[in-house]
Amino acid sequence: MISRFQQISNQVRYSVLMMWRHYARINLQRMQAH
């Protein structure tokens, strides 16, 4: 049970990190465009 919860939390953390990197890349391109 605990390991399953840990697995889910790890997946959530990973997906959030990927989303954050994606948005950071878009913001960098936007700043460079200006």
Protein backbone atom coordinates (compact mmCIF):
# COMPACT_ATOMS: atom_id res chain seq x y z
CA MET A 1 0.00 0.00 0.00
CA ILE A 2 2.71 2.46 0.98
CA SER A 3 4.84 1.46 -2.00
CA ARG A 4 1.84 1.98 -4.32
CA PHE A 5 1.23 5.42 -2.83
CA GLN A 6 4.92 6.21 -3.25
CA GLN A 7 4.75 5.09 -6.89
CA ILE A 8 1.77 7.37 -7.58
CA SER A 9 3.40 10.34 -5.86
CA ASN A 10 6.57 9.76 -7.90
CA GLN A 11 4.57 9.74 -11.14
CA VAL A 12 2.78 12.95 -10.15
CA ARG A 13 6.07 14.63 -9.25
CA TYR A 14 7.62 13.53 -12.56
CA SER A 15 4.66 14.77 -14.63
CA VAL A 16 4.69 18.12 -12.80
CA LEU A 17 8.43 18.45 -13.44
CA MET A 18 7.93 17.71 -17.14
CA MET A 19 5.10 20.26 -17.39
CA TRP A 20 7.23 22.87 -15.58
CA ARG A 21 10.17 22.29 -17.93
CA HIS A 22 7.82 22.53 -20.93
CA TYR A 23 6.39 25.87 -19.76
CA ALA A 24 9.86 27.16 -18.85
CA ARG A 25 11.05 26.40 -22.39
CA ILE A 26 8.04 28.25 -23.87
CA ASN A 27 8.69 31.26 -21.61
CA LEU A 28 12.36 31.34 -22.62
CA GLN A 29 11.43 31.32 -26.31
CA ARG A 30 8.89 34.09 -25.68
CA MET A 31 11.48 36.26 -23.88
CA GLN A 32 14.01 35.69 -26.66
CA ALA A 33 11.41 36.65 -29.28
CA HIS A 34 10.86 40.08 -27.69
